[in-house]
Structure formats: structure tokens, C-alpha cells
C-alpha atoms as a PDB file:
ATOM      1  CA  UNK A   1     124.286 105.501  88.590  1.00  0.00           C
ATOM      2  CA  UNK A   2     123.308 104.200  92.035  1.00  0.00           C
ATOM      3  CA  UNK A   3     119.718 104.727  93.177  1.00  0.00           C
ATOM      4  CA  UNK A   4     119.233 106.619  96.438  1.00  0.00           C
ATOM      5  CA  UNK A   5     117.834 104.295  99.101  1.00  0.00           C
ATOM      6  CA  UNK A   6     115.977 105.656 102.114  1.00  0.00           C
ATOM      7  CA  UNK A   7     115.471 103.594 105.244  1.00  0.00           C
ATOM      8  CA  UNK A   8     113.134 103.922 108.218  1.00  0.00           C
ATOM      9  CA  UNK A   9     115.706 106.034 110.078  1.00  0.00           C
ATOM     10  CA  UNK A  10     115.465 108.624 107.258  1.00  0.00           C
ATOM     11  CA  UNK A  11     111.673 108.687 107.617  1.00  0.00           C
ATOM     12  CA  UNK A  12     112.026 109.131 111.388  1.00  0.00           C
ATOM     13  CA  UNK A  13     114.508 112.000 110.994  1.00  0.00           C
ATOM     14  CA  UNK A  14     112.309 113.747 108.398  1.00  0.00           C
ATOM     15  CA  UNK A  15     109.259 113.312 110.650  1.00  0.00           C
ATOM     16  CA  UNK A  16     111.144 114.753 113.628  1.00  0.00           C
ATOM     17  CA  UNK A  17     112.258 117.702 111.484  1.00  0.00           C
ATOM     18  CA  UNK A  18     108.724 118.405 110.188  1.00  0.00           C
ATOM     19  CA  UNK A  19     106.913 118.006 113.523  1.00  0.00           C
ATOM     20  CA  UNK A  20     109.484 119.380 115.954  1.00  0.00           C
ATOM     21  CA  UNK A  21     109.357 116.114 117.953  1.00  0.00           C
ATOM     22  CA  UNK A  22     112.415 114.604 119.553  1.00  0.00           C
ATOM     23  CA  UNK A  23     113.870 111.745 117.498  1.00  0.00           C
ATOM     24  CA  UNK A  24     112.606 109.157 120.018  1.00  0.00           C
ATOM     25  CA  UNK A  25     109.061 110.557 119.876  1.00  0.00           C
ATOM     26  CA  UNK A  26     109.132 110.617 116.075  1.00  0.00           C
ATOM     27  CA  UNK A  27     110.424 107.023 116.065  1.00  0.00           C
ATOM     28  CA  UNK A  28     107.483 105.926 118.232  1.00  0.00           C
ATOM     29  CA  UNK A  29     105.029 107.657 115.898  1.00  0.00           C
ATOM     30  CA  UNK A  30     106.577 106.264 112.694  1.00  0.00           C
ATOM     31  CA  UNK A  31     106.802 102.758 114.161  1.00  0.00           C
ATOM     32  CA  UNK A  32     103.181 102.959 115.290  1.00  0.00           C
ATOM     33  CA  UNK A  33     102.035 103.951 111.795  1.00  0.00           C
ATOM     34  CA  UNK A  34     104.051 101.194 110.090  1.00  0.00           C
ATOM     35  CA  UNK A  35     102.869  98.595 112.617  1.00  0.00           C
ATOM     36  CA  UNK A  36      99.258  99.692 112.168  1.00  0.00           C
ATOM     37  CA  UNK A  37      99.508  99.413 108.374  1.00  0.00           C
ATOM     38  CA  UNK A  38     101.147  95.987 108.683  1.00  0.00           C
ATOM     39  CA  UNK A  39      98.437  94.757 111.074  1.00  0.00           C
ATOM     40  CA  UNK A  40      95.628  96.049 108.858  1.00  0.00           C
ATOM     41  CA  UNK A  41      97.138  94.269 105.855  1.00  0.00           C
ATOM     42  CA  UNK A  42      97.901  90.961 107.562  1.00  0.00           C
ATOM     43  CA  UNK A  43      95.214  90.511 110.214  1.00  0.00           C
ATOM     44  CA  UNK A  44      92.245  91.804 108.250  1.00  0.00           C
ATOM     45  CA  UNK A  45      90.310  90.091 105.498  1.00  0.00           C
ATOM     46  CA  UNK A  46      92.185  88.352 102.672  1.00  0.00           C
ATOM     47  CA  UNK A  47      91.596  91.323 100.381  1.00  0.00           C
ATOM     48  CA  UNK A  48      91.695  94.855 101.746  1.00  0.00           C
ATOM     49  CA  UNK A  49      92.373  98.432 100.704  1.00  0.00           C
ATOM     50  CA  UNK A  50      94.009 101.199 102.750  1.00  0.00           C
ATOM     51  CA  UNK A  51      93.398 104.613 101.235  1.00  0.00           C
ATOM     52  CA  UNK A  52      95.470 107.564 102.437  1.00  0.00           C
ATOM     53  CA  UNK A  53      94.172 110.718 100.790  1.00  0.00           C
ATOM     54  CA  UNK A  54      96.729 112.784  98.830  1.00  0.00           C
ATOM     55  CA  UNK A  55      99.261 109.960  99.164  1.00  0.00           C
ATOM     56  CA  UNK A  56      98.041 106.688  97.714  1.00  0.00           C
ATOM     57  CA  UNK A  57      96.295 103.361  98.105  1.00  0.00           C
ATOM     58  CA  UNK A  58      97.754 100.161  99.508  1.00  0.00           C
ATOM     59  CA  UNK A  59      95.888  97.057  98.377  1.00  0.00           C
ATOM     60  CA  UNK A  60      96.166  93.441  99.378  1.00  0.00           C
ATOM     61  CA  UNK A  61      94.810  91.120  96.704  1.00  0.00           C
ATOM     62  CA  UNK A  62      94.443  87.375  96.441  1.00  0.00           C
ATOM     63  CA  UNK A  63      96.316  85.596  93.660  1.00  0.00           C
ATOM     64  CA  UNK A  64      94.922  82.552  91.920  1.00  0.00           C
ATOM     65  CA  UNK A  65      96.362  79.103  92.463  1.00  0.00           C
ATOM     66  CA  UNK A  66      98.619  77.775  89.725  1.00  0.00           C
ATOM     67  CA  UNK A  67      97.996  74.034  89.469  1.00  0.00           C
ATOM     68  CA  UNK A  68     100.388  73.456  86.575  1.00  0.00           C
ATOM     69  CA  UNK A  69     103.531  75.501  87.180  1.00  0.00           C
ATOM     70  CA  UNK A  70     106.926  74.190  86.023  1.00  0.00           C
ATOM     71  CA  UNK A  71     110.085  73.839  88.077  1.00  0.00           C
ATOM     72  CA  UNK A  72     112.802  75.735  86.106  1.00  0.00           C
ATOM     73  CA  UNK A  73     115.509  73.317  87.297  1.00  0.00           C
ATOM     74  CA  UNK A  74     113.476  70.272  86.273  1.00  0.00           C
ATOM     75  CA  UNK A  75     111.215  71.330  83.353  1.00  0.00           C
ATOM     76  CA  UNK A  76     109.400  67.996  83.286  1.00  0.00           C
ATOM     77  CA  UNK A  77     108.327  68.398  86.935  1.00  0.00           C
ATOM     78  CA  UNK A  78     104.871  69.939  87.388  1.00  0.00           C
ATOM     79  CA  UNK A  79     104.278  71.646  90.743  1.00  0.00           C
ATOM     80  CA  UNK A  80     101.238  73.164  92.436  1.00  0.00           C
ATOM     81  CA  UNK A  81     101.454  76.743  93.744  1.00  0.00           C
ATOM     82  CA  UNK A  82      98.688  77.569  96.250  1.00  0.00           C
ATOM     83  CA  UNK A  83      96.828  80.898  96.264  1.00  0.00           C
ATOM     84  CA  UNK A  84      98.511  83.678  98.214  1.00  0.00           C
ATOM     85  CA  UNK A  85      98.214  87.401  98.840  1.00  0.00           C
ATOM     86  CA  UNK A  86     100.149  90.169  97.119  1.00  0.00           C
ATOM     87  CA  UNK A  87     100.450  93.877  97.819  1.00  0.00           C
ATOM     88  CA  UNK A  88     100.065  96.775  95.438  1.00  0.00           C
ATOM     89  CA  UNK A  89     100.617 100.483  95.869  1.00  0.00           C
ATOM     90  CA  UNK A  90      99.064 103.089  93.639  1.00  0.00           C
ATOM     91  CA  UNK A  91     100.028 106.726  94.176  1.00  0.00           C
ATOM     92  CA  UNK A  92      97.279 109.259  94.801  1.00  0.00           C
ATOM     93  CA  UNK A  93      96.483 112.212  92.576  1.00  0.00           C
ATOM     94  CA  UNK A  94      98.763 114.710  94.351  1.00  0.00           C
ATOM     95  CA  UNK A  95     101.758 112.360  94.430  1.00  0.00           C
ATOM     96  CA  UNK A  96     101.182 111.249  90.848  1.00  0.00           C
ATOM     97  CA  UNK A  97     101.066 114.856  89.591  1.00  0.00           C
ATOM     98  CA  UNK A  98     104.300 115.716  91.416  1.00  0.00           C
ATOM     99  CA  UNK A  99     106.056 112.657  89.954  1.00  0.00           C
ATOM    100  CA  UNK A 100     104.810 113.491  86.435  1.00  0.00           C
ATOM    101  CA  UNK A 101     106.685 116.813  86.428  1.00  0.00           C
ATOM    102  CA  UNK A 102     109.409 116.808  83.746  1.00  0.00           C
ATOM    103  CA  UNK A 103     112.978 116.510  84.980  1.00  0.00           C
ATOM    104  CA  UNK A 104     115.315 119.396  84.310  1.00  0.00           C
END
């Protein structure tokens, strides 16, 4: 069974439908929100948290350096992996409760 994939165009169309905006206006709004989230995550401090009530929390966390990782193609080669940032998303209470509903 193939999983349904939604793209930004689907979000724009749904936003236009819900708000009554023209598609171009909805596209500007959706793009502005996504760009703002991206800028907050990338240009802010190394670790940050964006909390959107009734939806969820986006977190950017720092990972530890791995000074003794192995190259899978050359197992005897030890490589250094520097620290980096990773993103996490945790759904909020409302979204989590909706997703916990049993399927029929």
C-alpha cells in the first residue's frame, strides 16, 4: 500500500480553502510561515524550541561529536564526525489525541 504524500501545494490549496484567500495570497502566507520557521531554526541559537499551541513543538538540538566512528566500506578506518544539529517534532496534546483514535 502506497503512503499518501502531501506537498506544499496541497498545504497552500487547503489554506486557501479554509481562509477564503486566493491561491496566490495563500501561497504567500504559507511560504512566509515556512520561511519564518526555517529562519528561526537556522539563524537562532544552536539549540532552540518553537512551540505552536495545539499543534506541536519543533526542536533543534545539538548532537555530540563521534570521535571514533567506523567507515562501513573500510571497517578498519576510524573517522571523526563533528557535532551537528538535528531537528525533532513532537505533536501537541490536541494532535496527539486525534492521532490516538482507533482506526475503523
